[in-house]
Amino acid sequence: AAPPLGKPPAHEVAEVISGLVSAINSGDNARLLSFIADHFETGANAPKPEERLARIGGVHQNLGEISVDGMDDSGEGPIQVVIRTHNEGAGTLIVDIERAAPYTIKRVGVQIGGE
C-alpha cells in the first residue's frame, strides 16, 4: 500500500469516523439512520437521510465487517481511512468531513483495492 501522505485526523474527527464505521458494521438501519441524521450535512442540496441510508446501508451488505487500519488527513480534501473488509479485502473509505465542530460529514465514498 502507498504510504500515508498526511497525519492522523484530529481526535474529534476520528471519533465521528469511528462512529460511522461502527454504525455501518452494526447492520442496524435504525442505528445507521440515526447516525446519518446526527452527523451528515443537511440542507436543500444535500441528500435526504433516507437516501444516504440506502447508499451507505449497502456497504455492510457488500463488504461485510469493516475494520479501520488507519486514518490519513492530508490537511485538505477528504480523510482517507484505510480499511480492511471481510468480503473484499483492503480498501479506502473516503470521508469528506468538516474539520471544525460539529464535524459534519458531507460525503462518503468507498474504494476497494490497494496493496
C-alpha atoms as a PDB file:
ATOM      1  CA  ALA A   1       0.000   0.000   0.000  1.00  0.00           C
ATOM      2  CA  ALA A   2       1.136   3.543  -0.618  1.00  0.00           C
ATOM      3  CA  PRO A   3       2.419   5.296   2.489  1.00  0.00           C
ATOM      4  CA  PRO A   4       0.055   7.837   4.033  1.00  0.00           C
ATOM      5  CA  LEU A   5       0.591  11.378   2.791  1.00  0.00           C
ATOM      6  CA  GLY A   6      -0.614  13.218   5.858  1.00  0.00           C
ATOM      7  CA  LYS A   7      -1.117  12.741   9.536  1.00  0.00           C
ATOM      8  CA  PRO A   8      -3.925  11.271  11.620  1.00  0.00           C
ATOM      9  CA  PRO A   9      -7.004  13.497  11.775  1.00  0.00           C
ATOM     10  CA  ALA A  10      -7.949  15.437  14.894  1.00  0.00           C
ATOM     11  CA  HIS A  11      -9.339  13.262  17.692  1.00  0.00           C
ATOM     12  CA  GLU A  12     -12.877  14.638  17.249  1.00  0.00           C
ATOM     13  CA  VAL A  13     -12.835  13.908  13.500  1.00  0.00           C
ATOM     14  CA  ALA A  14     -11.502  10.392  14.108  1.00  0.00           C
ATOM     15  CA  GLU A  15     -14.263   9.788  16.673  1.00  0.00           C
ATOM     16  CA  VAL A  16     -17.012  10.720  14.196  1.00  0.00           C
ATOM     17  CA  ILE A  17     -15.455   8.481  11.521  1.00  0.00           C
ATOM     18  CA  SER A  18     -15.115   5.604  14.013  1.00  0.00           C
ATOM     19  CA  GLY A  19     -18.778   6.126  14.897  1.00  0.00           C
ATOM     20  CA  LEU A  20     -19.684   5.901  11.216  1.00  0.00           C
ATOM     21  CA  VAL A  21     -17.794   2.622  10.797  1.00  0.00           C
ATOM     22  CA  SER A  22     -19.406   1.268  13.960  1.00  0.00           C
ATOM     23  CA  ALA A  23     -22.884   2.241  12.732  1.00  0.00           C
ATOM     24  CA  ILE A  24     -22.218   0.599   9.340  1.00  0.00           C
ATOM     25  CA  ASN A  25     -20.872  -2.553  10.997  1.00  0.00           C
ATOM     26  CA  SER A  26     -23.951  -2.803  13.218  1.00  0.00           C
ATOM     27  CA  GLY A  27     -26.064  -3.726  10.176  1.00  0.00           C
ATOM     28  CA  ASP A  28     -28.859  -1.900  12.013  1.00  0.00           C
ATOM     29  CA  ASN A  29     -30.644   0.518   9.677  1.00  0.00           C
ATOM     30  CA  ALA A  30     -32.300   2.414  12.547  1.00  0.00           C
ATOM     31  CA  ARG A  31     -28.932   2.998  14.215  1.00  0.00           C
ATOM     32  CA  LEU A  32     -27.308   3.980  10.915  1.00  0.00           C
ATOM     33  CA  LEU A  33     -30.153   6.357  10.038  1.00  0.00           C
ATOM     34  CA  SER A  34     -29.838   7.985  13.467  1.00  0.00           C
ATOM     35  CA  PHE A  35     -26.087   8.442  12.946  1.00  0.00           C
ATOM     36  CA  ILE A  36     -26.675   9.912   9.482  1.00  0.00           C
ATOM     37  CA  ALA A  37     -29.306  12.325  10.847  1.00  0.00           C
ATOM     38  CA  ASP A  38     -26.912  13.449  13.600  1.00  0.00           C
ATOM     39  CA  HIS A  39     -23.643  13.701  11.680  1.00  0.00           C
ATOM     40  CA  PHE A  40     -24.276  14.301   7.977  1.00  0.00           C
ATOM     41  CA  GLU A  41     -24.773  17.607   6.196  1.00  0.00           C
ATOM     42  CA  THR A  42     -28.394  18.601   5.751  1.00  0.00           C
ATOM     43  CA  GLY A  43     -29.943  21.271   3.600  1.00  0.00           C
ATOM     44  CA  ALA A  44     -31.754  21.880   0.346  1.00  0.00           C
ATOM     45  CA  ASN A  45     -28.963  20.472  -1.806  1.00  0.00           C
ATOM     46  CA  ALA A  46     -27.899  17.600   0.445  1.00  0.00           C
ATOM     47  CA  PRO A  47     -29.322  14.098   0.020  1.00  0.00           C
ATOM     48  CA  LYS A  48     -32.079  13.199   2.479  1.00  0.00           C
ATOM     49  CA  PRO A  49     -31.017  10.924   5.371  1.00  0.00           C
ATOM     50  CA  GLU A  50     -33.094   8.090   3.883  1.00  0.00           C
ATOM     51  CA  GLU A  51     -31.265   8.445   0.543  1.00  0.00           C
ATOM     52  CA  ARG A  52     -27.920   8.316   2.326  1.00  0.00           C
ATOM     53  CA  LEU A  53     -29.112   5.273   4.277  1.00  0.00           C
ATOM     54  CA  ALA A  54     -29.958   3.447   1.043  1.00  0.00           C
ATOM     55  CA  ARG A  55     -26.428   4.076  -0.269  1.00  0.00           C
ATOM     56  CA  ILE A  56     -24.420   3.577   2.901  1.00  0.00           C
ATOM     57  CA  GLY A  57     -26.540   0.685   4.154  1.00  0.00           C
ATOM     58  CA  GLY A  58     -25.460  -1.351   1.137  1.00  0.00           C
ATOM     59  CA  VAL A  59     -21.811  -1.050   2.188  1.00  0.00           C
ATOM     60  CA  HIS A  60     -22.226  -3.514   5.049  1.00  0.00           C
ATOM     61  CA  GLN A  61     -24.133  -5.924   2.845  1.00  0.00           C
ATOM     62  CA  ASN A  62     -21.466  -5.867   0.134  1.00  0.00           C
ATOM     63  CA  LEU A  63     -18.281  -5.654   2.174  1.00  0.00           C
ATOM     64  CA  GLY A  64     -19.151  -7.342   5.460  1.00  0.00           C
ATOM     65  CA  GLU A  65     -17.397  -6.285   8.649  1.00  0.00           C
ATOM     66  CA  ILE A  66     -15.067  -3.295   8.201  1.00  0.00           C
ATOM     67  CA  SER A  67     -12.008  -2.720  10.357  1.00  0.00           C
ATOM     68  CA  VAL A  68     -10.009   0.504  10.325  1.00  0.00           C
ATOM     69  CA  ASP A  69      -6.245   0.149   9.862  1.00  0.00           C
ATOM     70  CA  GLY A  70      -5.531   3.875   9.915  1.00  0.00           C
ATOM     71  CA  MET A  71      -6.732   7.370   9.044  1.00  0.00           C
ATOM     72  CA  ASP A  72      -4.834   9.918   6.993  1.00  0.00           C
ATOM     73  CA  ASP A  73      -5.512  13.652   6.880  1.00  0.00           C
ATOM     74  CA  SER A  74      -3.549  15.480   4.190  1.00  0.00           C
ATOM     75  CA  GLY A  75      -4.868  18.787   5.574  1.00  0.00           C
ATOM     76  CA  GLU A  76      -7.354  19.389   2.771  1.00  0.00           C
ATOM     77  CA  GLY A  77      -9.905  17.292   0.957  1.00  0.00           C
ATOM     78  CA  PRO A  78     -11.428  14.158   2.434  1.00  0.00           C
ATOM     79  CA  ILE A  79      -9.926  11.999   5.154  1.00  0.00           C
ATOM     80  CA  GLN A  80      -8.597   8.730   3.711  1.00  0.00           C
ATOM     81  CA  VAL A  81      -9.490   5.847   6.011  1.00  0.00           C
ATOM     82  CA  VAL A  82      -7.503   2.670   5.375  1.00  0.00           C
ATOM     83  CA  ILE A  83      -9.895  -0.236   5.868  1.00  0.00           C
ATOM     84  CA  ARG A  84      -9.921  -3.990   5.672  1.00  0.00           C
ATOM     85  CA  THR A  85     -13.219  -5.586   4.710  1.00  0.00           C
ATOM     86  CA  HIS A  86     -14.350  -9.109   5.417  1.00  0.00           C
ATOM     87  CA  ASN A  87     -15.630  -9.825   1.897  1.00  0.00           C
ATOM     88  CA  GLU A  88     -13.406  -7.736  -0.373  1.00  0.00           C
ATOM     89  CA  GLY A  89     -10.107  -7.232   1.439  1.00  0.00           C
ATOM     90  CA  ALA A  90      -8.276  -3.917   1.579  1.00  0.00           C
ATOM     91  CA  GLY A  91      -9.881  -0.634   0.683  1.00  0.00           C
ATOM     92  CA  THR A  92     -10.238   3.039   1.457  1.00  0.00           C
ATOM     93  CA  LEU A  93     -13.163   4.862   2.994  1.00  0.00           C
ATOM     94  CA  ILE A  94     -13.124   8.440   1.721  1.00  0.00           C
ATOM     95  CA  VAL A  95     -14.827  10.735   4.220  1.00  0.00           C
ATOM     96  CA  ASP A  96     -15.392  14.371   3.311  1.00  0.00           C
ATOM     97  CA  ILE A  97     -15.838  15.896   6.768  1.00  0.00           C
ATOM     98  CA  GLU A  98     -15.642  19.385   8.274  1.00  0.00           C
ATOM     99  CA  ARG A  99     -12.532  19.838  10.398  1.00  0.00           C
ATOM    100  CA  ALA A 100     -14.324  22.079  12.914  1.00  0.00           C
ATOM    101  CA  ALA A 101     -17.243  21.473  15.263  1.00  0.00           C
ATOM    102  CA  PRO A 102     -19.762  19.975  14.763  1.00  0.00           C
ATOM    103  CA  TYR A 103     -17.602  17.846  12.379  1.00  0.00           C
ATOM    104  CA  THR A 104     -20.323  17.374   9.787  1.00  0.00           C
ATOM    105  CA  ILE A 105     -19.836  14.690   7.130  1.00  0.00           C
ATOM    106  CA  LYS A 106     -20.561  15.929   3.605  1.00  0.00           C
ATOM    107  CA  ARG A 107     -19.935  12.778   1.642  1.00  0.00           C
ATOM    108  CA  VAL A 108     -18.596   9.245   1.974  1.00  0.00           C
ATOM    109  CA  GLY A 109     -17.127   7.033  -0.709  1.00  0.00           C
ATOM    110  CA  VAL A 110     -15.573   3.572  -0.736  1.00  0.00           C
ATOM    111  CA  GLN A 111     -12.744   2.323  -2.938  1.00  0.00           C
ATOM    112  CA  ILE A 112     -11.850  -1.335  -2.815  1.00  0.00           C
ATOM    113  CA  GLY A 113      -8.386  -2.487  -3.716  1.00  0.00           C
ATOM    114  CA  GLY A 114      -4.946  -1.443  -2.732  1.00  0.00           C
ATOM    115  CA  GLU A 115      -1.840  -3.377  -1.762  1.00  0.00           C
END
